C-alpha cells in the first residue's frame, strides 16, 4: 500500500517527506559526481602551467622557511606568494588566474606552491588536482601536534588583537613600532585566557582539521600513490636543515638539487618568528595536559599511517614537549 511504502521510506514521520526528498537529491548529486570523475573542469583551456609539486602542510611547521629556501634553488619555480590558496579560497577565480600566480618558464623548472591548508582540502578538489597534475609530487611536513596547535592558537590570538580576519597571515612584528608592539603583546598574552578558552578553540573545526594529519593525508592518498608523497618531520629543519632540503629537492625532481642546497649560506636563519614574548611560547602544564589528551588520538592515527607507509619515525602521542620519537626526518 501507499502508506506502507511511505512508512518504508520514513515519510510518514514528522518531516519524513522532506528528509526523503533530501536523500533523493543527495543521491543524484553523488551519482553526478561519480559520473564526472574523469571530466575536465570547464576552464581547463585557461590552464597555462604544469605543476610539479605541492607542499600541503602542516600549518605552523616551518613552511615559510621552506618557501624562502626553495626560492634560492635554481630549477625551482615557486608561486609569487607563499600561499596561493587557490584550491580552497580562490577556485572561483579560475585556472587562468591560477596560471598567472607563477613565473613564466620555458626551461625545465619544477613549478609548485606551498599552501599548508591544502592538507584539509575536500576530496573533490584533490580529485581535480590529480586530474590536472597526475604526476605532481606532494610534500607534507609534520610537527608535534601540541606544539603545532599551540603555535596556531597563539597566532590566532595575535591576529584577533590586530583585527585580522580568520585565515589571514600572521603579523609581521618587525614592522611595528615599540608602542604598538607592547600594546599588541599585552592584548595577545595567552596568560589572560583560561584553559577552557584554548580547549574550546582547539575543538573548533579550524584547529581540529589541521591536527588530523592522517585523515587529511588519506584523502590525498586516494588519488596520489604513496611514492608521490613525502612526509617529513619538522625537526629536520631545526637539526639538519640541509639534509632536510636535500630530501625535498630530490623528491620534487630538481636537477643537481643537492649541489644547490650545499651552496646555500642562510639555512639556519629563522623565518616568520611570530612570538612577541618568549613567555607567550610556553604552554602552562595544566593546559598542555588537556591538549595532549585531546590530540593523542590524532597522533596515534598518524603514527599508524607512518607505519603503513614504511616510515621509521613517529610523533609523540603524549608527554614531553617538542621531542619526537626517533629524530630521523623520514
C-alpha atoms as a PDB file:
ATOM      1  CA  UNK A   1       0.000   0.000   0.000  1.00  0.00           C
ATOM      2  CA  UNK A   2       0.989   3.655  -0.393  1.00  0.00           C
ATOM      3  CA  UNK A   3       1.081   4.062   3.373  1.00  0.00           C
ATOM      4  CA  UNK A   4       3.371   1.048   3.711  1.00  0.00           C
ATOM      5  CA  UNK A   5       5.655   2.433   1.001  1.00  0.00           C
ATOM      6  CA  UNK A   6       5.716   5.771   2.783  1.00  0.00           C
ATOM      7  CA  UNK A   7       6.489   4.035   6.052  1.00  0.00           C
ATOM      8  CA  UNK A   8       9.326   2.065   4.442  1.00  0.00           C
ATOM      9  CA  UNK A   9      10.825   5.353   3.226  1.00  0.00           C
ATOM     10  CA  UNK A  10      10.354   7.041   6.575  1.00  0.00           C
ATOM     11  CA  UNK A  11       7.974   9.611   5.079  1.00  0.00           C
ATOM     12  CA  UNK A  12       5.103   9.016   7.480  1.00  0.00           C
ATOM     13  CA  UNK A  13       7.135  10.535  10.324  1.00  0.00           C
ATOM     14  CA  UNK A  14       7.129  14.298  11.004  1.00  0.00           C
ATOM     15  CA  UNK A  15       9.347  15.821   8.350  1.00  0.00           C
ATOM     16  CA  UNK A  16       9.751  12.426   6.697  1.00  0.00           C
ATOM     17  CA  UNK A  17       8.801  13.603   3.205  1.00  0.00           C
ATOM     18  CA  UNK A  18      11.358  16.391   3.346  1.00  0.00           C
ATOM     19  CA  UNK A  19      14.053  14.003   4.531  1.00  0.00           C
ATOM     20  CA  UNK A  20      13.241  11.526   1.756  1.00  0.00           C
ATOM     21  CA  UNK A  21      13.426  14.260  -0.889  1.00  0.00           C
ATOM     22  CA  UNK A  22      16.733  15.443   0.585  1.00  0.00           C
ATOM     23  CA  UNK A  23      18.107  11.883   0.368  1.00  0.00           C
ATOM     24  CA  UNK A  24      16.996  11.659  -3.260  1.00  0.00           C
ATOM     25  CA  UNK A  25      18.708  14.952  -4.103  1.00  0.00           C
ATOM     26  CA  UNK A  26      21.867  13.845  -2.319  1.00  0.00           C
ATOM     27  CA  UNK A  27      21.889  10.576  -4.244  1.00  0.00           C
ATOM     28  CA  UNK A  28      21.513  12.435  -7.522  1.00  0.00           C
ATOM     29  CA  UNK A  29      24.470  14.672  -6.615  1.00  0.00           C
ATOM     30  CA  UNK A  30      26.582  11.646  -5.709  1.00  0.00           C
ATOM     31  CA  UNK A  31      25.616   9.925  -8.973  1.00  0.00           C
ATOM     32  CA  UNK A  32      26.517  13.059 -10.922  1.00  0.00           C
ATOM     33  CA  UNK A  33      29.881  13.344  -9.192  1.00  0.00           C
ATOM     34  CA  UNK A  34      30.623   9.667  -9.791  1.00  0.00           C
ATOM     35  CA  UNK A  35      29.732  10.026 -13.468  1.00  0.00           C
ATOM     36  CA  UNK A  36      32.041  13.005 -13.896  1.00  0.00           C
ATOM     37  CA  UNK A  37      35.157  11.814 -12.107  1.00  0.00           C
ATOM     38  CA  UNK A  38      37.166  11.995 -15.344  1.00  0.00           C
ATOM     39  CA  UNK A  39      35.553  15.077 -16.838  1.00  0.00           C
ATOM     40  CA  UNK A  40      37.989  18.035 -17.023  1.00  0.00           C
ATOM     41  CA  UNK A  41      36.951  21.310 -15.355  1.00  0.00           C
ATOM     42  CA  UNK A  42      35.113  23.810 -17.535  1.00  0.00           C
ATOM     43  CA  UNK A  43      38.029  26.263 -17.519  1.00  0.00           C
ATOM     44  CA  UNK A  44      40.797  23.756 -18.253  1.00  0.00           C
ATOM     45  CA  UNK A  45      41.669  25.508 -21.528  1.00  0.00           C
ATOM     46  CA  UNK A  46      42.811  28.514 -19.476  1.00  0.00           C
ATOM     47  CA  UNK A  47      45.419  26.471 -17.578  1.00  0.00           C
ATOM     48  CA  UNK A  48      48.902  27.520 -18.673  1.00  0.00           C
ATOM     49  CA  UNK A  49      51.139  25.884 -16.069  1.00  0.00           C
ATOM     50  CA  UNK A  50      52.244  22.366 -15.268  1.00  0.00           C
ATOM     51  CA  UNK A  51      52.513  21.959 -11.521  1.00  0.00           C
ATOM     52  CA  UNK A  52      55.284  19.592 -10.460  1.00  0.00           C
ATOM     53  CA  UNK A  53      54.845  19.738  -6.697  1.00  0.00           C
ATOM     54  CA  UNK A  54      52.621  20.945  -3.864  1.00  0.00           C
ATOM     55  CA  UNK A  55      53.585  21.400  -0.221  1.00  0.00           C
ATOM     56  CA  UNK A  56      50.268  20.801   1.540  1.00  0.00           C
ATOM     57  CA  UNK A  57      51.132  21.274   5.231  1.00  0.00           C
ATOM     58  CA  UNK A  58      51.302  21.327   8.032  1.00  0.00           C
ATOM     59  CA  UNK A  59      50.353  24.786   9.220  1.00  0.00           C
ATOM     60  CA  UNK A  60      52.981  26.194  11.627  1.00  0.00           C
ATOM     61  CA  UNK A  61      55.573  23.628  10.523  1.00  0.00           C
ATOM     62  CA  UNK A  62      58.347  25.791   9.029  1.00  0.00           C
ATOM     63  CA  UNK A  63      56.749  26.007   5.589  1.00  0.00           C
ATOM     64  CA  UNK A  64      57.647  29.718   5.352  1.00  0.00           C
ATOM     65  CA  UNK A  65      61.282  28.776   5.901  1.00  0.00           C
ATOM     66  CA  UNK A  66      60.937  26.104   3.217  1.00  0.00           C
ATOM     67  CA  UNK A  67      59.494  28.662   0.782  1.00  0.00           C
ATOM     68  CA  UNK A  68      62.377  31.059   1.397  1.00  0.00           C
ATOM     69  CA  UNK A  69      64.954  28.309   0.905  1.00  0.00           C
ATOM     70  CA  UNK A  70      63.395  26.866  -2.250  1.00  0.00           C
ATOM     71  CA  UNK A  71      63.258  30.348  -3.799  1.00  0.00           C
ATOM     72  CA  UNK A  72      67.053  30.265  -3.850  1.00  0.00           C
ATOM     73  CA  UNK A  73      67.321  26.907  -5.612  1.00  0.00           C
ATOM     74  CA  UNK A  74      67.879  27.032  -9.398  1.00  0.00           C
ATOM     75  CA  UNK A  75      65.361  24.863 -11.178  1.00  0.00           C
ATOM     76  CA  UNK A  76      62.514  25.615  -8.730  1.00  0.00           C
ATOM     77  CA  UNK A  77      59.706  27.902  -9.852  1.00  0.00           C
ATOM     78  CA  UNK A  78      57.569  28.936  -6.906  1.00  0.00           C
ATOM     79  CA  UNK A  79      54.358  30.941  -6.943  1.00  0.00           C
ATOM     80  CA  UNK A  80      54.835  34.676  -6.484  1.00  0.00           C
ATOM     81  CA  UNK A  81      53.342  34.476  -2.993  1.00  0.00           C
ATOM     82  CA  UNK A  82      53.895  31.730  -0.483  1.00  0.00           C
ATOM     83  CA  UNK A  83      50.267  30.712  -0.031  1.00  0.00           C
ATOM     84  CA  UNK A  84      48.139  30.934  -3.177  1.00  0.00           C
ATOM     85  CA  UNK A  85      45.106  29.284  -1.543  1.00  0.00           C
ATOM     86  CA  UNK A  86      43.657  28.571  -4.969  1.00  0.00           C
ATOM     87  CA  UNK A  87      42.021  25.236  -4.322  1.00  0.00           C
ATOM     88  CA  UNK A  88      40.409  26.279  -1.037  1.00  0.00           C
ATOM     89  CA  UNK A  89      39.716  30.037  -1.262  1.00  0.00           C
ATOM     90  CA  UNK A  90      40.197  31.168  -4.862  1.00  0.00           C
ATOM     91  CA  UNK A  91      38.976  28.386  -7.144  1.00  0.00           C
ATOM     92  CA  UNK A  92      36.189  30.640  -8.430  1.00  0.00           C
ATOM     93  CA  UNK A  93      38.837  32.927  -9.974  1.00  0.00           C
ATOM     94  CA  UNK A  94      39.619  30.238 -12.499  1.00  0.00           C
ATOM     95  CA  UNK A  95      42.615  28.312 -13.801  1.00  0.00           C
ATOM     96  CA  UNK A  96      43.728  31.317 -15.853  1.00  0.00           C
ATOM     97  CA  UNK A  97      44.161  33.321 -12.658  1.00  0.00           C
ATOM     98  CA  UNK A  98      45.969  30.367 -11.078  1.00  0.00           C
ATOM     99  CA  UNK A  99      48.389  30.176 -14.012  1.00  0.00           C
ATOM    100  CA  UNK A 100      49.301  33.841 -13.556  1.00  0.00           C
ATOM    101  CA  UNK A 101      50.443  33.201  -9.983  1.00  0.00           C
ATOM    102  CA  UNK A 102      53.607  31.517 -11.291  1.00  0.00           C
ATOM    103  CA  UNK A 103      56.651  32.846 -13.125  1.00  0.00           C
ATOM    104  CA  UNK A 104      56.873  32.315 -16.873  1.00  0.00           C
ATOM    105  CA  UNK A 105      59.171  29.397 -17.529  1.00  0.00           C
ATOM    106  CA  UNK A 106      60.406  27.846 -20.740  1.00  0.00           C
ATOM    107  CA  UNK A 107      63.035  25.664 -19.098  1.00  0.00           C
ATOM    108  CA  UNK A 108      62.789  22.515 -17.011  1.00  0.00           C
ATOM    109  CA  UNK A 109      61.982  24.300 -13.747  1.00  0.00           C
ATOM    110  CA  UNK A 110      59.819  22.426 -11.284  1.00  0.00           C
ATOM    111  CA  UNK A 111      56.794  24.652 -10.682  1.00  0.00           C
ATOM    112  CA  UNK A 112      54.998  24.386  -7.386  1.00  0.00           C
ATOM    113  CA  UNK A 113      53.361  26.144  -4.481  1.00  0.00           C
ATOM    114  CA  UNK A 114      53.235  25.944  -0.701  1.00  0.00           C
ATOM    115  CA  UNK A 115      49.798  26.269   0.897  1.00  0.00           C
ATOM    116  CA  UNK A 116      49.687  24.386   4.232  1.00  0.00           C
ATOM    117  CA  UNK A 117      45.874  24.376   4.353  1.00  0.00           C
ATOM    118  CA  UNK A 118      45.754  22.060   1.325  1.00  0.00           C
ATOM    119  CA  UNK A 119      46.040  19.111   3.681  1.00  0.00           C
ATOM    120  CA  UNK A 120      42.432  19.857   4.624  1.00  0.00           C
ATOM    121  CA  UNK A 121      41.094  20.089   1.069  1.00  0.00           C
ATOM    122  CA  UNK A 122      37.824  18.388   0.257  1.00  0.00           C
ATOM    123  CA  UNK A 123      38.131  15.271  -1.848  1.00  0.00           C
ATOM    124  CA  UNK A 124      36.588  16.917  -4.912  1.00  0.00           C
ATOM    125  CA  UNK A 125      39.438  19.423  -5.030  1.00  0.00           C
ATOM    126  CA  UNK A 126      42.093  16.745  -4.606  1.00  0.00           C
ATOM    127  CA  UNK A 127      40.446  14.773  -7.374  1.00  0.00           C
ATOM    128  CA  UNK A 128      40.595  17.808  -9.668  1.00  0.00           C
ATOM    129  CA  UNK A 129      44.261  18.428  -8.815  1.00  0.00           C
ATOM    130  CA  UNK A 130      45.042  14.820  -9.687  1.00  0.00           C
ATOM    131  CA  UNK A 131      43.110  15.111 -12.942  1.00  0.00           C
ATOM    132  CA  UNK A 132      45.151  18.181 -13.944  1.00  0.00           C
ATOM    133  CA  UNK A 133      48.533  17.164 -12.496  1.00  0.00           C
ATOM    134  CA  UNK A 134      48.563  13.370 -12.040  1.00  0.00           C
ATOM    135  CA  UNK A 135      52.351  13.213 -11.657  1.00  0.00           C
ATOM    136  CA  UNK A 136      52.637  16.031  -9.113  1.00  0.00           C
ATOM    137  CA  UNK A 137      54.820  15.343  -6.103  1.00  0.00           C
ATOM    138  CA  UNK A 138      53.272  16.030  -2.711  1.00  0.00           C
ATOM    139  CA  UNK A 139      55.232  17.141   0.376  1.00  0.00           C
ATOM    140  CA  UNK A 140      53.911  17.210   3.937  1.00  0.00           C
ATOM    141  CA  UNK A 141      55.893  18.475   6.942  1.00  0.00           C
ATOM    142  CA  UNK A 142      54.629  17.167  10.299  1.00  0.00           C
ATOM    143  CA  UNK A 143      55.132  18.826  13.657  1.00  0.00           C
ATOM    144  CA  UNK A 144      54.391  17.713  17.213  1.00  0.00           C
ATOM    145  CA  UNK A 145      50.631  18.138  17.455  1.00  0.00           C
ATOM    146  CA  UNK A 146      50.556  20.013  20.750  1.00  0.00           C
ATOM    147  CA  UNK A 147      53.313  22.429  19.747  1.00  0.00           C
ATOM    148  CA  UNK A 148      51.747  22.991  16.329  1.00  0.00           C
ATOM    149  CA  UNK A 149      48.301  23.626  17.772  1.00  0.00           C
ATOM    150  CA  UNK A 150      49.686  25.980  20.425  1.00  0.00           C
ATOM    151  CA  UNK A 151      51.527  27.980  17.769  1.00  0.00           C
ATOM    152  CA  UNK A 152      48.323  28.229  15.732  1.00  0.00           C
ATOM    153  CA  UNK A 153      46.217  29.206  18.753  1.00  0.00           C
ATOM    154  CA  UNK A 154      48.591  31.959  19.851  1.00  0.00           C
ATOM    155  CA  UNK A 155      48.791  33.229  16.242  1.00  0.00           C
ATOM    156  CA  UNK A 156      45.003  33.408  16.281  1.00  0.00           C
ATOM    157  CA  UNK A 157      45.154  35.464  19.483  1.00  0.00           C
ATOM    158  CA  UNK A 158      47.643  37.889  17.912  1.00  0.00           C
ATOM    159  CA  UNK A 159      45.604  38.232  14.754  1.00  0.00           C
ATOM    160  CA  UNK A 160      42.437  38.834  16.764  1.00  0.00           C
ATOM    161  CA  UNK A 161      44.246  41.595  18.654  1.00  0.00           C
ATOM    162  CA  UNK A 162      45.157  43.198  15.339  1.00  0.00           C
ATOM    163  CA  UNK A 163      41.648  42.737  13.960  1.00  0.00           C
ATOM    164  CA  UNK A 164      42.780  40.479  11.125  1.00  0.00           C
ATOM    165  CA  UNK A 165      40.162  38.257   9.555  1.00  0.00           C
ATOM    166  CA  UNK A 166      40.326  34.486  10.238  1.00  0.00           C
ATOM    167  CA  UNK A 167      42.814  32.825   7.926  1.00  0.00           C
ATOM    168  CA  UNK A 168      44.801  35.998   7.287  1.00  0.00           C
ATOM    169  CA  UNK A 169      48.567  35.915   7.556  1.00  0.00           C
ATOM    170  CA  UNK A 170      50.298  36.411  10.874  1.00  0.00           C
ATOM    171  CA  UNK A 171      51.516  39.819  11.937  1.00  0.00           C
ATOM    172  CA  UNK A 172      54.938  40.981  10.736  1.00  0.00           C
ATOM    173  CA  UNK A 173      56.300  42.248  14.052  1.00  0.00           C
ATOM    174  CA  UNK A 174      59.460  43.673  12.537  1.00  0.00           C
ATOM    175  CA  UNK A 175      57.366  46.499  11.032  1.00  0.00           C
ATOM    176  CA  UNK A 176      55.779  47.581  14.331  1.00  0.00           C
ATOM    177  CA  UNK A 177      56.921  50.480  16.475  1.00  0.00           C
ATOM    178  CA  UNK A 178      57.623  49.826  20.162  1.00  0.00           C
ATOM    179  CA  UNK A 179      54.339  51.312  21.395  1.00  0.00           C
ATOM    180  CA  UNK A 180      52.223  49.202  19.033  1.00  0.00           C
ATOM    181  CA  UNK A 181      54.316  46.154  19.734  1.00  0.00           C
ATOM    182  CA  UNK A 182      53.892  46.493  23.514  1.00  0.00           C
ATOM    183  CA  UNK A 183      50.136  47.046  23.180  1.00  0.00           C
ATOM    184  CA  UNK A 184      49.785  44.002  20.977  1.00  0.00           C
ATOM    185  CA  UNK A 185      51.825  41.909  23.388  1.00  0.00           C
ATOM    186  CA  UNK A 186      49.531  42.806  26.277  1.00  0.00           C
ATOM    187  CA  UNK A 187      46.360  42.119  24.301  1.00  0.00           C
ATOM    188  CA  UNK A 188      47.587  38.794  22.942  1.00  0.00           C
ATOM    189  CA  UNK A 189      49.134  37.427  26.133  1.00  0.00           C
ATOM    190  CA  UNK A 190      47.925  33.783  26.477  1.00  0.00           C
ATOM    191  CA  UNK A 191      48.049  34.054  30.272  1.00  0.00           C
ATOM    192  CA  UNK A 192      44.949  36.258  30.057  1.00  0.00           C
ATOM    193  CA  UNK A 193      42.936  33.317  28.697  1.00  0.00           C
ATOM    194  CA  UNK A 194      41.747  30.257  30.609  1.00  0.00           C
ATOM    195  CA  UNK A 195      42.485  26.623  29.795  1.00  0.00           C
ATOM    196  CA  UNK A 196      38.820  26.262  28.859  1.00  0.00           C
ATOM    197  CA  UNK A 197      39.148  29.021  26.257  1.00  0.00           C
ATOM    198  CA  UNK A 198      42.035  27.298  24.478  1.00  0.00           C
ATOM    199  CA  UNK A 199      40.488  23.833  24.660  1.00  0.00           C
ATOM    200  CA  UNK A 200      37.275  25.201  23.188  1.00  0.00           C
ATOM    201  CA  UNK A 201      39.200  26.826  20.336  1.00  0.00           C
ATOM    202  CA  UNK A 202      41.191  23.621  19.814  1.00  0.00           C
ATOM    203  CA  UNK A 203      37.967  21.663  19.392  1.00  0.00           C
ATOM    204  CA  UNK A 204      36.805  24.050  16.684  1.00  0.00           C
ATOM    205  CA  UNK A 205      36.933  22.570  13.183  1.00  0.00           C
ATOM    206  CA  UNK A 206      39.521  25.155  12.124  1.00  0.00           C
ATOM    207  CA  UNK A 207      42.087  23.670  14.503  1.00  0.00           C
ATOM    208  CA  UNK A 208      40.866  20.075  14.690  1.00  0.00           C
ATOM    209  CA  UNK A 209      41.043  19.578  10.918  1.00  0.00           C
ATOM    210  CA  UNK A 210      44.615  20.875  10.849  1.00  0.00           C
ATOM    211  CA  UNK A 211      45.544  18.495  13.653  1.00  0.00           C
ATOM    212  CA  UNK A 212      44.129  15.385  11.990  1.00  0.00           C
ATOM    213  CA  UNK A 213      47.115  14.671   9.753  1.00  0.00           C
ATOM    214  CA  UNK A 214      46.116  11.095   8.955  1.00  0.00           C
ATOM    215  CA  UNK A 215      42.594  11.930   7.844  1.00  0.00           C
ATOM    216  CA  UNK A 216      43.796  14.662   5.530  1.00  0.00           C
ATOM    217  CA  UNK A 217      46.651  12.639   4.044  1.00  0.00           C
ATOM    218  CA  UNK A 218      44.446   9.613   3.440  1.00  0.00           C
ATOM    219  CA  UNK A 219      42.244  11.772   1.235  1.00  0.00           C
ATOM    220  CA  UNK A 220      45.305  12.629  -0.846  1.00  0.00           C
ATOM    221  CA  UNK A 221      46.447   9.007  -0.920  1.00  0.00           C
ATOM    222  CA  UNK A 222      43.165   8.011  -2.536  1.00  0.00           C
ATOM    223  CA  UNK A 223      44.406   9.776  -5.676  1.00  0.00           C
ATOM    224  CA  UNK A 224      48.189  10.026  -5.410  1.00  0.00           C
ATOM    225  CA  UNK A 225      50.293   6.887  -4.836  1.00  0.00           C
ATOM    226  CA  UNK A 226      52.493   6.801  -1.762  1.00  0.00           C
ATOM    227  CA  UNK A 227      55.592   7.092  -3.981  1.00  0.00           C
ATOM    228  CA  UNK A 228      54.496  10.642  -4.852  1.00  0.00           C
ATOM    229  CA  UNK A 229      54.022  11.655  -1.211  1.00  0.00           C
ATOM    230  CA  UNK A 230      56.933  12.642   1.025  1.00  0.00           C
ATOM    231  CA  UNK A 231      56.273  13.080   4.752  1.00  0.00           C
ATOM    232  CA  UNK A 232      58.980  14.793   6.773  1.00  0.00           C
ATOM    233  CA  UNK A 233      59.487  15.593  10.443  1.00  0.00           C
ATOM    234  CA  UNK A 234      59.904  19.332  11.011  1.00  0.00           C
ATOM    235  CA  UNK A 235      62.696  18.613  13.493  1.00  0.00           C
ATOM    236  CA  UNK A 236      64.874  18.031  10.455  1.00  0.00           C
ATOM    237  CA  UNK A 237      64.589  21.766   9.725  1.00  0.00           C
ATOM    238  CA  UNK A 238      65.916  22.600  13.169  1.00  0.00           C
ATOM    239  CA  UNK A 239      68.608  19.921  13.426  1.00  0.00           C
ATOM    240  CA  UNK A 240      69.821  19.171   9.888  1.00  0.00           C
ATOM    241  CA  UNK A 241      68.343  21.815   7.580  1.00  0.00           C
ATOM    242  CA  UNK A 242      70.472  20.990   4.549  1.00  0.00           C
ATOM    243  CA  UNK A 243      69.698  17.284   4.782  1.00  0.00           C
ATOM    244  CA  UNK A 244      66.026  18.188   5.070  1.00  0.00           C
ATOM    245  CA  UNK A 245      66.183  20.396   1.976  1.00  0.00           C
ATOM    246  CA  UNK A 246      68.003  17.715   0.010  1.00  0.00           C
ATOM    247  CA  UNK A 247      65.161  15.299   0.707  1.00  0.00           C
ATOM    248  CA  UNK A 248      62.670  17.844  -0.606  1.00  0.00           C
ATOM    249  CA  UNK A 249      64.518  18.814  -3.806  1.00  0.00           C
ATOM    250  CA  UNK A 250      65.236  15.168  -4.576  1.00  0.00           C
ATOM    251  CA  UNK A 251      61.564  14.275  -4.172  1.00  0.00           C
ATOM    252  CA  UNK A 252      60.304  17.085  -6.406  1.00  0.00           C
ATOM    253  CA  UNK A 253      62.882  16.286  -9.091  1.00  0.00           C
ATOM    254  CA  UNK A 254      65.233  19.277  -9.077  1.00  0.00           C
ATOM    255  CA  UNK A 255      68.278  18.680 -11.269  1.00  0.00           C
ATOM    256  CA  UNK A 256      71.504  18.846  -9.231  1.00  0.00           C
ATOM    257  CA  UNK A 257      69.345  19.833  -6.252  1.00  0.00           C
ATOM    258  CA  UNK A 258      71.736  18.532  -3.577  1.00  0.00           C
ATOM    259  CA  UNK A 259      74.606  20.579  -5.032  1.00  0.00           C
ATOM    260  CA  UNK A 260      72.492  23.724  -4.986  1.00  0.00           C
ATOM    261  CA  UNK A 261      71.493  23.113  -1.383  1.00  0.00           C
ATOM    262  CA  UNK A 262      75.140  22.796  -0.335  1.00  0.00           C
ATOM    263  CA  UNK A 263      75.787  26.297  -1.655  1.00  0.00           C
ATOM    264  CA  UNK A 264      73.111  27.916   0.490  1.00  0.00           C
ATOM    265  CA  UNK A 265      74.512  30.123   3.245  1.00  0.00           C
ATOM    266  CA  UNK A 266      71.487  31.027   5.362  1.00  0.00           C
ATOM    267  CA  UNK A 267      69.725  27.745   6.038  1.00  0.00           C
ATOM    268  CA  UNK A 268      69.918  28.323   9.800  1.00  0.00           C
ATOM    269  CA  UNK A 269      68.124  31.654   9.794  1.00  0.00           C
ATOM    270  CA  UNK A 270      64.743  31.880  11.454  1.00  0.00           C
ATOM    271  CA  UNK A 271      61.834  32.867   9.219  1.00  0.00           C
ATOM    272  CA  UNK A 272      58.427  34.195  10.301  1.00  0.00           C
ATOM    273  CA  UNK A 273      59.196  34.019  14.012  1.00  0.00           C
ATOM    274  CA  UNK A 274      55.832  35.072  15.311  1.00  0.00           C
ATOM    275  CA  UNK A 275      56.147  35.141  19.085  1.00  0.00           C
ATOM    276  CA  UNK A 276      56.349  38.567  20.640  1.00  0.00           C
ATOM    277  CA  UNK A 277      57.499  37.367  24.029  1.00  0.00           C
ATOM    278  CA  UNK A 278      59.282  34.159  24.927  1.00  0.00           C
ATOM    279  CA  UNK A 279      56.700  33.689  27.678  1.00  0.00           C
ATOM    280  CA  UNK A 280      53.984  33.578  25.034  1.00  0.00           C
ATOM    281  CA  UNK A 281      55.510  30.410  23.643  1.00  0.00           C
ATOM    282  CA  UNK A 282      55.337  28.472  26.900  1.00  0.00           C
ATOM    283  CA  UNK A 283      52.293  26.256  27.441  1.00  0.00           C
ATOM    284  CA  UNK A 284      51.328  26.040  31.095  1.00  0.00           C
ATOM    285  CA  UNK A 285      51.355  22.456  32.311  1.00  0.00           C
ATOM    286  CA  UNK A 286      47.636  22.238  33.094  1.00  0.00           C
ATOM    287  CA  UNK A 287      46.774  23.280  29.546  1.00  0.00           C
ATOM    288  CA  UNK A 288      49.394  21.042  27.944  1.00  0.00           C
ATOM    289  CA  UNK A 289      47.864  18.005  29.655  1.00  0.00           C
ATOM    290  CA  UNK A 290      44.397  18.889  28.340  1.00  0.00           C
ATOM    291  CA  UNK A 291      45.732  19.464  24.819  1.00  0.00           C
ATOM    292  CA  UNK A 292      47.650  16.180  24.872  1.00  0.00           C
ATOM    293  CA  UNK A 293      44.527  14.292  25.922  1.00  0.00           C
ATOM    294  CA  UNK A 294      42.512  15.766  23.068  1.00  0.00           C
ATOM    295  CA  UNK A 295      45.214  15.392  20.410  1.00  0.00           C
ATOM    296  CA  UNK A 296      46.568  11.953  21.373  1.00  0.00           C
ATOM    297  CA  UNK A 297      44.131  10.008  19.127  1.00  0.00           C
ATOM    298  CA  UNK A 298      45.217  12.091  16.140  1.00  0.00           C
ATOM    299  CA  UNK A 299      48.874  11.371  16.889  1.00  0.00           C
ATOM    300  CA  UNK A 300      48.142   7.651  17.227  1.00  0.00           C
ATOM    301  CA  UNK A 301      46.318   7.569  13.902  1.00  0.00           C
ATOM    302  CA  UNK A 302      49.098   9.487  12.169  1.00  0.00           C
ATOM    303  CA  UNK A 303      51.728   7.135  13.578  1.00  0.00           C
ATOM    304  CA  UNK A 304      49.744   4.188  12.225  1.00  0.00           C
ATOM    305  CA  UNK A 305      49.769   5.834   8.817  1.00  0.00           C
ATOM    306  CA  UNK A 306      53.536   6.386   9.034  1.00  0.00           C
ATOM    307  CA  UNK A 307      53.966   2.696   9.820  1.00  0.00           C
ATOM    308  CA  UNK A 308      51.716   1.693   6.912  1.00  0.00           C
ATOM    309  CA  UNK A 309      53.785   3.833   4.554  1.00  0.00           C
ATOM    310  CA  UNK A 310      57.097   2.447   5.794  1.00  0.00           C
ATOM    311  CA  UNK A 311      58.436   5.436   7.754  1.00  0.00           C
ATOM    312  CA  UNK A 312      60.617   4.745  10.778  1.00  0.00           C
ATOM    313  CA  UNK A 313      59.998   7.906  12.795  1.00  0.00           C
ATOM    314  CA  UNK A 314      56.946   8.726  14.921  1.00  0.00           C
ATOM    315  CA  UNK A 315      55.317  11.726  16.561  1.00  0.00           C
ATOM    316  CA  UNK A 316      54.818  11.932  20.302  1.00  0.00           C
ATOM    317  CA  UNK A 317      51.432  10.713  21.438  1.00  0.00           C
ATOM    318  CA  UNK A 318      51.854  12.385  24.835  1.00  0.00           C
ATOM    319  CA  UNK A 319      54.377  13.627  27.422  1.00  0.00           C
ATOM    320  CA  UNK A 320      57.419  15.827  26.851  1.00  0.00           C
ATOM    321  CA  UNK A 321      57.121  18.853  24.555  1.00  0.00           C
ATOM    322  CA  UNK A 322      58.954  19.301  21.251  1.00  0.00           C
ATOM    323  CA  UNK A 323      60.550  15.855  21.187  1.00  0.00           C
ATOM    324  CA  UNK A 324      59.503  13.210  18.679  1.00  0.00           C
ATOM    325  CA  UNK A 325      60.414   9.570  18.981  1.00  0.00           C
ATOM    326  CA  UNK A 326      63.295   8.757  16.629  1.00  0.00           C
ATOM    327  CA  UNK A 327      64.565  12.040  15.253  1.00  0.00           C
ATOM    328  CA  UNK A 328      65.029  10.833  11.688  1.00  0.00           C
ATOM    329  CA  UNK A 329      63.322  13.066   9.146  1.00  0.00           C
ATOM    330  CA  UNK A 330      61.632  10.275   7.267  1.00  0.00           C
END
